[in-house]
Amino acid sequence: MNAKNLLPLTAAAVFALCAGAMVVSATHADNNHNAVAQAARIVDLPTVTVSPDAADLAHYNTYKDAKIVDLATITVTPAAEDLAQFVAQQAVMQQIAVQAGVLAGQLASR
């Protein structure tokens, strides 16, 4: 492989890494960690909110000190807004990956 091929491929790889880092940075930049504990909520993230039903919460409170959680007994159903935001973010990341691939192909063909 000569410098004519190596330089564009290296530039494409660096571009893809930078684009991925920017996407990850942008998605984690608006994480607000709320320190206020809520009795009815176990997990509260900016894009996903899990509100257990009474049986799941009782099970969690019973076994939380044992550090064992039986995931088969916990049902998680995302809200429509959370699911829509997740799908939209996945579409954006897929578009970025496609564009990075196209650019890498164009740089490699030079």
PDB file of N, CA and C in Angstrom:
ATOM      1  N   MET A   1       0.853  -1.171   0.000  1.00  0.00           N
ATOM      2  CA  MET A   1       0.000   0.000   0.000  1.00  0.00           C
ATOM      3  C   MET A   1       0.902   1.238   0.000  1.00  0.00           C
ATOM      4  N   ASN A   2       0.669   2.139  -0.911  1.00  0.00           N
ATOM      5  CA  ASN A   2       1.524   3.323  -0.992  1.00  0.00           C
ATOM      6  C   ASN A   2       0.857   4.517  -0.315  1.00  0.00           C
ATOM      7  N   ALA A   3       1.551   5.626  -0.287  1.00  0.00           N
ATOM      8  CA  ALA A   3       1.052   6.820   0.395  1.00  0.00           C
ATOM      9  C   ALA A   3      -0.204   7.359  -0.271  1.00  0.00           C
ATOM     10  N   LYS A   4      -0.352   7.103  -1.576  1.00  0.00           N
ATOM     11  CA  LYS A   4      -1.535   7.586  -2.278  1.00  0.00           C
ATOM     12  C   LYS A   4      -2.808   6.954  -1.724  1.00  0.00           C
ATOM     13  N   ASN A   5      -2.739   5.705  -1.316  1.00  0.00           N
ATOM     14  CA  ASN A   5      -3.901   5.020  -0.759  1.00  0.00           C
ATOM     15  C   ASN A   5      -3.978   5.149   0.756  1.00  0.00           C
ATOM     16  N   LEU A   6      -2.834   5.153   1.417  1.00  0.00           N
ATOM     17  CA  LEU A   6      -2.808   5.162   2.872  1.00  0.00           C
ATOM     18  C   LEU A   6      -3.318   6.471   3.461  1.00  0.00           C
ATOM     19  N   LEU A   7      -2.953   7.585   2.891  1.00  0.00           N
ATOM     20  CA  LEU A   7      -3.361   8.878   3.429  1.00  0.00           C
ATOM     21  C   LEU A   7      -4.879   9.068   3.395  1.00  0.00           C
ATOM     22  N   PRO A   8      -5.573   8.812   2.265  1.00  0.00           N
ATOM     23  CA  PRO A   8      -7.035   8.965   2.279  1.00  0.00           C
ATOM     24  C   PRO A   8      -7.723   7.989   3.228  1.00  0.00           C
ATOM     25  N   LEU A   9      -7.232   6.771   3.311  1.00  0.00           N
ATOM     26  CA  LEU A   9      -7.845   5.815   4.231  1.00  0.00           C
ATOM     27  C   LEU A   9      -7.648   6.225   5.679  1.00  0.00           C
ATOM     28  N   THR A  10      -6.484   6.751   5.991  1.00  0.00           N
ATOM     29  CA  THR A  10      -6.238   7.241   7.345  1.00  0.00           C
ATOM     30  C   THR A  10      -7.130   8.430   7.654  1.00  0.00           C
ATOM     31  N   ALA A  11      -7.280   9.343   6.700  1.00  0.00           N
ATOM     32  CA  ALA A  11      -8.148  10.503   6.904  1.00  0.00           C
ATOM     33  C   ALA A  11      -9.594  10.066   7.107  1.00  0.00           C
ATOM     34  N   ALA A  12     -10.044   9.087   6.336  1.00  0.00           N
ATOM     35  CA  ALA A  12     -11.413   8.593   6.480  1.00  0.00           C
ATOM     36  C   ALA A  12     -11.619   7.943   7.838  1.00  0.00           C
ATOM     37  N   ALA A  13     -10.634   7.183   8.301  1.00  0.00           N
ATOM     38  CA  ALA A  13     -10.747   6.537   9.608  1.00  0.00           C
ATOM     39  C   ALA A  13     -10.789   7.564  10.728  1.00  0.00           C
ATOM     40  N   VAL A  14      -9.939   8.587  10.636  1.00  0.00           N
ATOM     41  CA  VAL A  14      -9.940   9.646  11.643  1.00  0.00           C
ATOM     42  C   VAL A  14     -11.261  10.399  11.618  1.00  0.00           C
ATOM     43  N   PHE A  15     -11.804  10.673  10.438  1.00  0.00           N
ATOM     44  CA  PHE A  15     -13.087  11.349  10.322  1.00  0.00           C
ATOM     45  C   PHE A  15     -14.196  10.520  10.954  1.00  0.00           C
ATOM     46  N   ALA A  16     -14.220   9.218  10.682  1.00  0.00           N
ATOM     47  CA  ALA A  16     -15.250   8.352  11.249  1.00  0.00           C
ATOM     48  C   ALA A  16     -15.150   8.307  12.768  1.00  0.00           C
ATOM     49  N   LEU A  17     -13.933   8.234  13.305  1.00  0.00           N
ATOM     50  CA  LEU A  17     -13.761   8.233  14.753  1.00  0.00           C
ATOM     51  C   LEU A  17     -14.216   9.545  15.373  1.00  0.00           C
ATOM     52  N   CYS A  18     -13.874  10.655  14.745  1.00  0.00           N
ATOM     53  CA  CYS A  18     -14.294  11.964  15.263  1.00  0.00           C
ATOM     54  C   CYS A  18     -15.811  12.120  15.217  1.00  0.00           C
ATOM     55  N   ALA A  19     -16.422  11.684  14.110  1.00  0.00           N
ATOM     56  CA  ALA A  19     -17.881  11.780  13.986  1.00  0.00           C
ATOM     57  C   ALA A  19     -18.554  10.919  15.048  1.00  0.00           C
ATOM     58  N   GLY A  20     -18.056   9.717  15.260  1.00  0.00           N
ATOM     59  CA  GLY A  20     -18.621   8.859  16.298  1.00  0.00           C
ATOM     60  C   GLY A  20     -18.459   9.451  17.683  1.00  0.00           C
ATOM     61  N   ALA A  21     -17.290  10.041  17.944  1.00  0.00           N
ATOM     62  CA  ALA A  21     -17.056  10.668  19.249  1.00  0.00           C
ATOM     63  C   ALA A  21     -17.989  11.851  19.469  1.00  0.00           C
ATOM     64  N   MET A  22     -18.246  12.621  18.402  1.00  0.00           N
ATOM     65  CA  MET A  22     -19.166  13.748  18.532  1.00  0.00           C
ATOM     66  C   MET A  22     -20.586  13.282  18.807  1.00  0.00           C
ATOM     67  N   VAL A  23     -20.996  12.191  18.163  1.00  0.00           N
ATOM     68  CA  VAL A  23     -22.343  11.657  18.398  1.00  0.00           C
ATOM     69  C   VAL A  23     -22.478  11.181  19.840  1.00  0.00           C
ATOM     70  N   VAL A  24     -21.480  10.434  20.295  1.00  0.00           N
ATOM     71  CA  VAL A  24     -21.522   9.943  21.668  1.00  0.00           C
ATOM     72  C   VAL A  24     -21.494  11.106  22.652  1.00  0.00           C
ATOM     73  N   SER A  25     -20.666  12.095  22.388  1.00  0.00           N
ATOM     74  CA  SER A  25     -20.570  13.257  23.269  1.00  0.00           C
ATOM     75  C   SER A  25     -21.878  14.024  23.300  1.00  0.00           C
ATOM     76  N   ALA A  26     -22.516  14.179  22.150  1.00  0.00           N
ATOM     77  CA  ALA A  26     -23.773  14.920  22.094  1.00  0.00           C
ATOM     78  C   ALA A  26     -24.885  14.180  22.821  1.00  0.00           C
ATOM     79  N   THR A  27     -24.889  12.850  22.733  1.00  0.00           N
ATOM     80  CA  THR A  27     -25.956  12.110  23.400  1.00  0.00           C
ATOM     81  C   THR A  27     -25.748  12.062  24.905  1.00  0.00           C
ATOM     82  N   HIS A  28     -24.500  12.146  25.366  1.00  0.00           N
ATOM     83  CA  HIS A  28     -24.251  12.107  26.798  1.00  0.00           C
ATOM     84  C   HIS A  28     -24.156  13.495  27.416  1.00  0.00           C
ATOM     85  N   ALA A  29     -24.127  14.539  26.621  1.00  0.00           N
ATOM     86  CA  ALA A  29     -23.966  15.894  27.159  1.00  0.00           C
ATOM     87  C   ALA A  29     -25.201  16.356  27.907  1.00  0.00           C
ATOM     88  N   ASP A  30     -26.378  15.891  27.479  1.00  0.00           N
ATOM     89  CA  ASP A  30     -27.589  16.381  28.119  1.00  0.00           C
ATOM     90  C   ASP A  30     -28.131  15.385  29.136  1.00  0.00           C
ATOM     91  N   ASN A  31     -27.268  14.580  29.729  1.00  0.00           N
ATOM     92  CA  ASN A  31     -27.681  13.697  30.820  1.00  0.00           C
ATOM     93  C   ASN A  31     -27.732  14.511  32.104  1.00  0.00           C
ATOM     94  N   ASN A  32     -28.905  14.693  32.634  1.00  0.00           N
ATOM     95  CA  ASN A  32     -29.058  15.365  33.923  1.00  0.00           C
ATOM     96  C   ASN A  32     -29.303  14.295  34.968  1.00  0.00           C
ATOM     97  N   HIS A  33     -28.385  14.171  35.898  1.00  0.00           N
ATOM     98  CA  HIS A  33     -28.548  13.175  36.943  1.00  0.00           C
ATOM     99  C   HIS A  33     -29.287  13.825  38.103  1.00  0.00           C
ATOM    100  N   ASN A  34     -30.506  13.372  38.310  1.00  0.00           N
ATOM    101  CA  ASN A  34     -31.342  13.923  39.355  1.00  0.00           C
ATOM    102  C   ASN A  34     -31.030  13.195  40.655  1.00  0.00           C
ATOM    103  N   ALA A  35     -30.572  13.919  41.652  1.00  0.00           N
ATOM    104  CA  ALA A  35     -30.176  13.308  42.908  1.00  0.00           C
ATOM    105  C   ALA A  35     -31.354  13.040  43.836  1.00  0.00           C
ATOM    106  N   VAL A  36     -32.526  13.554  43.510  1.00  0.00           N
ATOM    107  CA  VAL A  36     -33.688  13.364  44.371  1.00  0.00           C
ATOM    108  C   VAL A  36     -34.225  11.957  44.187  1.00  0.00           C
ATOM    109  N   ALA A  37     -34.253  11.194  45.258  1.00  0.00           N
ATOM    110  CA  ALA A  37     -34.758   9.821  45.182  1.00  0.00           C
ATOM    111  C   ALA A  37     -36.278   9.844  45.242  1.00  0.00           C
ATOM    112  N   GLN A  38     -36.885   9.058  44.388  1.00  0.00           N
ATOM    113  CA  GLN A  38     -38.330   8.956  44.362  1.00  0.00           C
ATOM    114  C   GLN A  38     -38.699   7.541  44.767  1.00  0.00           C
ATOM    115  N   ALA A  39     -39.691   7.409  45.612  1.00  0.00           N
ATOM    116  CA  ALA A  39     -40.048   6.101  46.154  1.00  0.00           C
ATOM    117  C   ALA A  39     -40.616   5.169  45.086  1.00  0.00           C
ATOM    118  N   ALA A  40     -41.352   5.693  44.126  1.00  0.00           N
ATOM    119  CA  ALA A  40     -42.011   4.841  43.138  1.00  0.00           C
ATOM    120  C   ALA A  40     -41.170   4.615  41.892  1.00  0.00           C
ATOM    121  N   ARG A  41     -39.986   5.194  41.793  1.00  0.00           N
ATOM    122  CA  ARG A  41     -39.144   5.054  40.601  1.00  0.00           C
ATOM    123  C   ARG A  41     -37.791   4.487  40.983  1.00  0.00           C
ATOM    124  N   ILE A  42     -37.400   3.477  40.246  1.00  0.00           N
ATOM    125  CA  ILE A  42     -36.108   2.856  40.499  1.00  0.00           C
ATOM    126  C   ILE A  42     -35.060   3.460  39.580  1.00  0.00           C
ATOM    127  N   VAL A  43     -35.390   3.609  38.298  1.00  0.00           N
ATOM    128  CA  VAL A  43     -34.476   4.152  37.301  1.00  0.00           C
ATOM    129  C   VAL A  43     -35.148   5.335  36.629  1.00  0.00           C
ATOM    130  N   ASP A  44     -34.457   6.463  36.565  1.00  0.00           N
ATOM    131  CA  ASP A  44     -34.996   7.638  35.885  1.00  0.00           C
ATOM    132  C   ASP A  44     -33.882   8.239  35.043  1.00  0.00           C
ATOM    133  N   LEU A  45     -33.877   7.950  33.735  1.00  0.00           N
ATOM    134  CA  LEU A  45     -32.886   8.477  32.808  1.00  0.00           C
ATOM    135  C   LEU A  45     -33.560   9.505  31.906  1.00  0.00           C
ATOM    136  N   PRO A  46     -32.800  10.362  31.240  1.00  0.00           N
ATOM    137  CA  PRO A  46     -33.429  11.376  30.381  1.00  0.00           C
ATOM    138  C   PRO A  46     -34.259  10.776  29.251  1.00  0.00           C
ATOM    139  N   THR A  47     -33.884   9.604  28.743  1.00  0.00           N
ATOM    140  CA  THR A  47     -34.625   9.051  27.617  1.00  0.00           C
ATOM    141  C   THR A  47     -35.479   7.852  27.986  1.00  0.00           C
ATOM    142  N   VAL A  48     -35.264   7.276  29.151  1.00  0.00           N
ATOM    143  CA  VAL A  48     -36.022   6.090  29.551  1.00  0.00           C
ATOM    144  C   VAL A  48     -36.461   6.262  30.990  1.00  0.00           C
ATOM    145  N   THR A  49     -37.740   6.076  31.226  1.00  0.00           N
ATOM    146  CA  THR A  49     -38.259   6.130  32.578  1.00  0.00           C
ATOM    147  C   THR A  49     -38.929   4.804  32.888  1.00  0.00           C
ATOM    148  N   VAL A  50     -38.494   4.169  33.945  1.00  0.00           N
ATOM    149  CA  VAL A  50     -39.057   2.891  34.351  1.00  0.00           C
ATOM    150  C   VAL A  50     -39.849   3.125  35.618  1.00  0.00           C
ATOM    151  N   SER A  51     -41.135   2.856  35.553  1.00  0.00           N
ATOM    152  CA  SER A  51     -42.000   2.942  36.724  1.00  0.00           C
ATOM    153  C   SER A  51     -42.553   1.553  36.998  1.00  0.00           C
ATOM    154  N   PRO A  52     -42.054   0.875  38.026  1.00  0.00           N
ATOM    155  CA  PRO A  52     -42.505  -0.492  38.276  1.00  0.00           C
ATOM    156  C   PRO A  52     -43.911  -0.524  38.856  1.00  0.00           C
ATOM    157  N   ASP A  53     -44.597  -1.633  38.593  1.00  0.00           N
ATOM    158  CA  ASP A  53     -45.896  -1.784  39.244  1.00  0.00           C
ATOM    159  C   ASP A  53     -45.653  -2.197  40.700  1.00  0.00           C
ATOM    160  N   ALA A  54     -46.705  -2.281  41.479  1.00  0.00           N
ATOM    161  CA  ALA A  54     -46.575  -2.500  42.918  1.00  0.00           C
ATOM    162  C   ALA A  54     -45.879  -3.822  43.240  1.00  0.00           C
ATOM    163  N   ALA A  55     -46.199  -4.887  42.495  1.00  0.00           N
ATOM    164  CA  ALA A  55     -45.578  -6.193  42.766  1.00  0.00           C
ATOM    165  C   ALA A  55     -44.079  -6.158  42.488  1.00  0.00           C
ATOM    166  N   ASP A  56     -43.672  -5.520  41.379  1.00  0.00           N
ATOM    167  CA  ASP A  56     -42.253  -5.421  41.059  1.00  0.00           C
ATOM    168  C   ASP A  56     -41.506  -4.584  42.093  1.00  0.00           C
ATOM    169  N   LEU A  57     -42.133  -3.489  42.531  1.00  0.00           N
ATOM    170  CA  LEU A  57     -41.492  -2.636  43.538  1.00  0.00           C
ATOM    171  C   LEU A  57     -41.354  -3.376  44.864  1.00  0.00           C
ATOM    172  N   ALA A  58     -42.376  -4.128  45.239  1.00  0.00           N
ATOM    173  CA  ALA A  58     -42.298  -4.911  46.474  1.00  0.00           C
ATOM    174  C   ALA A  58     -41.203  -5.970  46.372  1.00  0.00           C
ATOM    175  N   HIS A  59     -41.100  -6.605  45.210  1.00  0.00           N
ATOM    176  CA  HIS A  59     -40.049  -7.609  45.001  1.00  0.00           C
ATOM    177  C   HIS A  59     -38.672  -6.959  45.103  1.00  0.00           C
ATOM    178  N   TYR A  60     -38.519  -5.807  44.488  1.00  0.00           N
ATOM    179  CA  TYR A  60     -37.237  -5.100  44.541  1.00  0.00           C
ATOM    180  C   TYR A  60     -36.892  -4.710  45.979  1.00  0.00           C
ATOM    181  N   ASN A  61     -37.849  -4.136  46.688  1.00  0.00           N
ATOM    182  CA  ASN A  61     -37.591  -3.711  48.066  1.00  0.00           C
ATOM    183  C   ASN A  61     -37.286  -4.892  48.978  1.00  0.00           C
ATOM    184  N   THR A  62     -37.869  -6.053  48.691  1.00  0.00           N
ATOM    185  CA  THR A  62     -37.612  -7.243  49.497  1.00  0.00           C
ATOM    186  C   THR A  62     -36.195  -7.747  49.301  1.00  0.00           C
ATOM    187  N   TYR A  63     -35.734  -7.771  48.039  1.00  0.00           N
ATOM    188  CA  TYR A  63     -34.452  -8.395  47.728  1.00  0.00           C
ATOM    189  C   TYR A  63     -33.323  -7.423  47.398  1.00  0.00           C
ATOM    190  N   LYS A  64     -33.516  -6.125  47.603  1.00  0.00           N
ATOM    191  CA  LYS A  64     -32.482  -5.167  47.206  1.00  0.00           C
ATOM    192  C   LYS A  64     -31.204  -5.306  48.021  1.00  0.00           C
ATOM    193  N   ASP A  65     -31.287  -5.731  49.268  1.00  0.00           N
ATOM    194  CA  ASP A  65     -30.089  -5.893  50.088  1.00  0.00           C
ATOM    195  C   ASP A  65     -29.328  -7.169  49.745  1.00  0.00           C
ATOM    196  N   ALA A  66     -30.001  -8.123  49.098  1.00  0.00           N
ATOM    197  CA  ALA A  66     -29.350  -9.375  48.730  1.00  0.00           C
ATOM    198  C   ALA A  66     -28.533  -9.204  47.445  1.00  0.00           C
ATOM    199  N   LYS A  67     -28.651  -8.078  46.790  1.00  0.00           N
ATOM    200  CA  LYS A  67     -27.922  -7.779  45.548  1.00  0.00           C
ATOM    201  C   LYS A  67     -28.255  -8.772  44.435  1.00  0.00           C
ATOM    202  N   ILE A  68     -29.444  -9.343  44.493  1.00  0.00           N
ATOM    203  CA  ILE A  68     -29.901 -10.265  43.457  1.00  0.00           C
ATOM    204  C   ILE A  68     -31.223  -9.724  42.923  1.00  0.00           C
ATOM    205  N   VAL A  69     -31.290  -9.543  41.617  1.00  0.00           N
ATOM    206  CA  VAL A  69     -32.521  -9.093  40.986  1.00  0.00           C
ATOM    207  C   VAL A  69     -32.894 -10.125  39.944  1.00  0.00           C
ATOM    208  N   ASP A  70     -34.073 -10.685  40.070  1.00  0.00           N
ATOM    209  CA  ASP A  70     -34.562 -11.656  39.107  1.00  0.00           C
ATOM    210  C   ASP A  70     -35.228 -10.884  37.977  1.00  0.00           C
ATOM    211  N   LEU A  71     -34.501 -10.711  36.861  1.00  0.00           N
ATOM    212  CA  LEU A  71     -35.007  -9.891  35.765  1.00  0.00           C
ATOM    213  C   LEU A  71     -36.237 -10.495  35.106  1.00  0.00           C
ATOM    214  N   ALA A  72     -36.447 -11.793  35.264  1.00  0.00           N
ATOM    215  CA  ALA A  72     -37.625 -12.406  34.664  1.00  0.00           C
ATOM    216  C   ALA A  72     -38.910 -11.932  35.327  1.00  0.00           C
ATOM    217  N   THR A  73     -38.830 -11.430  36.548  1.00  0.00           N
ATOM    218  CA  THR A  73     -40.036 -10.991  37.240  1.00  0.00           C
ATOM    219  C   THR A  73     -40.326  -9.514  37.033  1.00  0.00           C
ATOM    220  N   ILE A  74     -39.422  -8.801  36.372  1.00  0.00           N
ATOM    221  CA  ILE A  74     -39.603  -7.359  36.177  1.00  0.00           C
ATOM    222  C   ILE A  74     -39.960  -7.097  34.720  1.00  0.00           C
ATOM    223  N   THR A  75     -41.038  -6.382  34.511  1.00  0.00           N
ATOM    224  CA  THR A  75     -41.488  -6.054  33.169  1.00  0.00           C
ATOM    225  C   THR A  75     -41.210  -4.587  32.896  1.00  0.00           C
ATOM    226  N   VAL A  76     -40.522  -4.309  31.797  1.00  0.00           N
ATOM    227  CA  VAL A  76     -40.206  -2.933  31.412  1.00  0.00           C
ATOM    228  C   VAL A  76     -40.855  -2.659  30.058  1.00  0.00           C
ATOM    229  N   THR A  77     -41.717  -1.666  30.013  1.00  0.00           N
ATOM    230  CA  THR A  77     -42.354  -1.260  28.770  1.00  0.00           C
ATOM    231  C   THR A  77     -42.059   0.224  28.566  1.00  0.00           C
ATOM    232  N   PRO A  78     -41.332   0.580  27.503  1.00  0.00           N
ATOM    233  CA  PRO A  78     -41.005   2.000  27.317  1.00  0.00           C
ATOM    234  C   PRO A  78     -42.237   2.805  26.916  1.00  0.00           C
ATOM    235  N   ALA A  79     -42.238   4.047  27.316  1.00  0.00           N
ATOM    236  CA  ALA A  79     -43.301   4.951  26.889  1.00  0.00           C
ATOM    237  C   ALA A  79     -43.125   5.245  25.399  1.00  0.00           C
ATOM    238  N   ALA A  80     -44.204   5.644  24.754  1.00  0.00           N
ATOM    239  CA  ALA A  80     -44.151   5.898  23.316  1.00  0.00           C
ATOM    240  C   ALA A  80     -43.147   7.000  22.981  1.00  0.00           C
ATOM    241  N   GLU A  81     -43.068   8.025  23.828  1.00  0.00           N
ATOM    242  CA  GLU A  81     -42.136   9.129  23.576  1.00  0.00           C
ATOM    243  C   GLU A  81     -40.692   8.640  23.675  1.00  0.00           C
ATOM    244  N   ASP A  82     -40.406   7.790  24.683  1.00  0.00           N
ATOM    245  CA  ASP A  82     -39.052   7.257  24.844  1.00  0.00           C
ATOM    246  C   ASP A  82     -38.660   6.395  23.657  1.00  0.00           C
ATOM    247  N   LEU A  83     -39.578   5.549  23.211  1.00  0.00           N
ATOM    248  CA  LEU A  83     -39.298   4.676  22.081  1.00  0.00           C
ATOM    249  C   LEU A  83     -39.079   5.487  20.805  1.00  0.00           C
ATOM    250  N   ALA A  84     -39.886   6.532  20.608  1.00  0.00           N
ATOM    251  CA  ALA A  84     -39.736   7.381  19.424  1.00  0.00           C
ATOM    252  C   ALA A  84     -38.389   8.099  19.436  1.00  0.00           C
ATOM    253  N   GLN A  85     -37.969   8.584  20.596  1.00  0.00           N
ATOM    254  CA  GLN A  85     -36.681   9.278  20.682  1.00  0.00           C
ATOM    255  C   GLN A  85     -35.538   8.302  20.420  1.00  0.00           C
ATOM    256  N   PHE A  86     -35.631   7.084  20.940  1.00  0.00           N
ATOM    257  CA  PHE A  86     -34.596   6.083  20.702  1.00  0.00           C
ATOM    258  C   PHE A  86     -34.483   5.759  19.222  1.00  0.00           C
ATOM    259  N   VAL A  87     -35.621   5.551  18.561  1.00  0.00           N
ATOM    260  CA  VAL A  87     -35.614   5.225  17.129  1.00  0.00           C
ATOM    261  C   VAL A  87     -35.035   6.386  16.322  1.00  0.00           C
ATOM    262  N   ALA A  88     -35.381   7.622  16.698  1.00  0.00           N
ATOM    263  CA  ALA A  88     -34.855   8.786  15.987  1.00  0.00           C
ATOM    264  C   ALA A  88     -33.338   8.883  16.146  1.00  0.00           C
ATOM    265  N   GLN A  89     -32.830   8.623  17.354  1.00  0.00           N
ATOM    266  CA  GLN A  89     -31.383   8.678  17.567  1.00  0.00           C
ATOM    267  C   GLN A  89     -30.670   7.585  16.780  1.00  0.00           C
ATOM    268  N   GLN A  90     -31.267   6.407  16.714  1.00  0.00           N
ATOM    269  CA  GLN A  90     -30.667   5.328  15.946  1.00  0.00           C
ATOM    270  C   GLN A  90     -30.607   5.693  14.463  1.00  0.00           C
ATOM    271  N   ALA A  91     -31.661   6.346  13.951  1.00  0.00           N
ATOM    272  CA  ALA A  91     -31.685   6.750  12.542  1.00  0.00           C
ATOM    273  C   ALA A  91     -30.593   7.778  12.261  1.00  0.00           C
ATOM    274  N   VAL A  92     -30.408   8.723  13.166  1.00  0.00           N
ATOM    275  CA  VAL A  92     -29.361   9.738  12.984  1.00  0.00           C
ATOM    276  C   VAL A  92     -27.988   9.084  12.985  1.00  0.00           C
ATOM    277  N   MET A  93     -27.753   8.169  13.922  1.00  0.00           N
ATOM    278  CA  MET A  93     -26.441   7.511  13.970  1.00  0.00           C
ATOM    279  C   MET A  93     -26.214   6.648  12.737  1.00  0.00           C
ATOM    280  N   GLN A  94     -27.262   6.046  12.208  1.00  0.00           N
ATOM    281  CA  GLN A  94     -27.121   5.245  10.988  1.00  0.00           C
ATOM    282  C   GLN A  94     -26.786   6.147   9.800  1.00  0.00           C
ATOM    283  N   GLN A  95     -27.413   7.318   9.726  1.00  0.00           N
ATOM    284  CA  GLN A  95     -27.116   8.253   8.642  1.00  0.00           C
ATOM    285  C   GLN A  95     -25.662   8.719   8.722  1.00  0.00           C
ATOM    286  N   ILE A  96     -25.174   8.981   9.929  1.00  0.00           N
ATOM    287  CA  ILE A  96     -23.786   9.414  10.090  1.00  0.00           C
ATOM    288  C   ILE A  96     -22.843   8.299   9.650  1.00  0.00           C
ATOM    289  N   ALA A  97     -23.156   7.071  10.011  1.00  0.00           N
ATOM    290  CA  ALA A  97     -22.302   5.949   9.616  1.00  0.00           C
ATOM    291  C   ALA A  97     -22.297   5.767   8.099  1.00  0.00           C
ATOM    292  N   VAL A  98     -23.459   5.932   7.461  1.00  0.00           N
ATOM    293  CA  VAL A  98     -23.538   5.800   6.004  1.00  0.00           C
ATOM    294  C   VAL A  98     -22.719   6.893   5.335  1.00  0.00           C
ATOM    295  N   GLN A  99     -22.856   8.117   5.812  1.00  0.00           N
ATOM    296  CA  GLN A  99     -22.099   9.229   5.226  1.00  0.00           C
ATOM    297  C   GLN A  99     -20.596   9.037   5.420  1.00  0.00           C
ATOM    298  N   ALA A 100     -20.188   8.524   6.586  1.00  0.00           N
ATOM    299  CA  ALA A 100     -18.773   8.266   6.820  1.00  0.00           C
ATOM    300  C   ALA A 100     -18.265   7.184   5.873  1.00  0.00           C
ATOM    301  N   GLY A 101     -19.102   6.178   5.625  1.00  0.00           N
ATOM    302  CA  GLY A 101     -18.723   5.125   4.680  1.00  0.00           C
ATOM    303  C   GLY A 101     -18.586   5.637   3.268  1.00  0.00           C
ATOM    304  N   VAL A 102     -19.517   6.510   2.866  1.00  0.00           N
ATOM    305  CA  VAL A 102     -19.452   7.101   1.524  1.00  0.00           C
ATOM    306  C   VAL A 102     -18.193   7.948   1.388  1.00  0.00           C
ATOM    307  N   LEU A 103     -17.907   8.751   2.408  1.00  0.00           N
ATOM    308  CA  LEU A 103     -16.718   9.587   2.357  1.00  0.00           C
ATOM    309  C   LEU A 103     -15.449   8.738   2.319  1.00  0.00           C
ATOM    310  N   ALA A 104     -15.423   7.669   3.082  1.00  0.00           N
ATOM    311  CA  ALA A 104     -14.258   6.784   3.063  1.00  0.00           C
ATOM    312  C   ALA A 104     -14.068   6.157   1.707  1.00  0.00           C
ATOM    313  N   GLY A 105     -15.176   5.775   1.061  1.00  0.00           N
ATOM    314  CA  GLY A 105     -15.103   5.214  -0.279  1.00  0.00           C
ATOM    315  C   GLY A 105     -14.592   6.224  -1.290  1.00  0.00           C
ATOM    316  N   GLN A 106     -15.079   7.473  -1.160  1.00  0.00           N
ATOM    317  CA  GLN A 106     -14.631   8.517  -2.074  1.00  0.00           C
ATOM    318  C   GLN A 106     -13.158   8.827  -1.884  1.00  0.00           C
ATOM    319  N   LEU A 107     -12.718   8.879  -0.622  1.00  0.00           N
ATOM    320  CA  LEU A 107     -11.308   9.162  -0.360  1.00  0.00           C
ATOM    321  C   LEU A 107     -10.431   8.002  -0.819  1.00  0.00           C
ATOM    322  N   ALA A 108     -10.903   6.783  -0.669  1.00  0.00           N
ATOM    323  CA  ALA A 108     -10.107   5.632  -1.068  1.00  0.00           C
ATOM    324  C   ALA A 108      -9.990   5.523  -2.597  1.00  0.00           C
ATOM    325  N   SER A 109     -10.982   6.032  -3.309  1.00  0.00           N
ATOM    326  CA  SER A 109     -10.948   5.930  -4.784  1.00  0.00           C
ATOM    327  C   SER A 109     -10.054   6.988  -5.419  1.00  0.00           C
ATOM    328  N   ARG A 110      -9.581   7.928  -4.662  1.00  0.00           N
ATOM    329  CA  ARG A 110      -8.720   8.991  -5.211  1.00  0.00           C
ATOM    330  C   ARG A 110      -7.311   8.512  -5.411  1.00  0.00           C
TER     331      ARG A 110
END
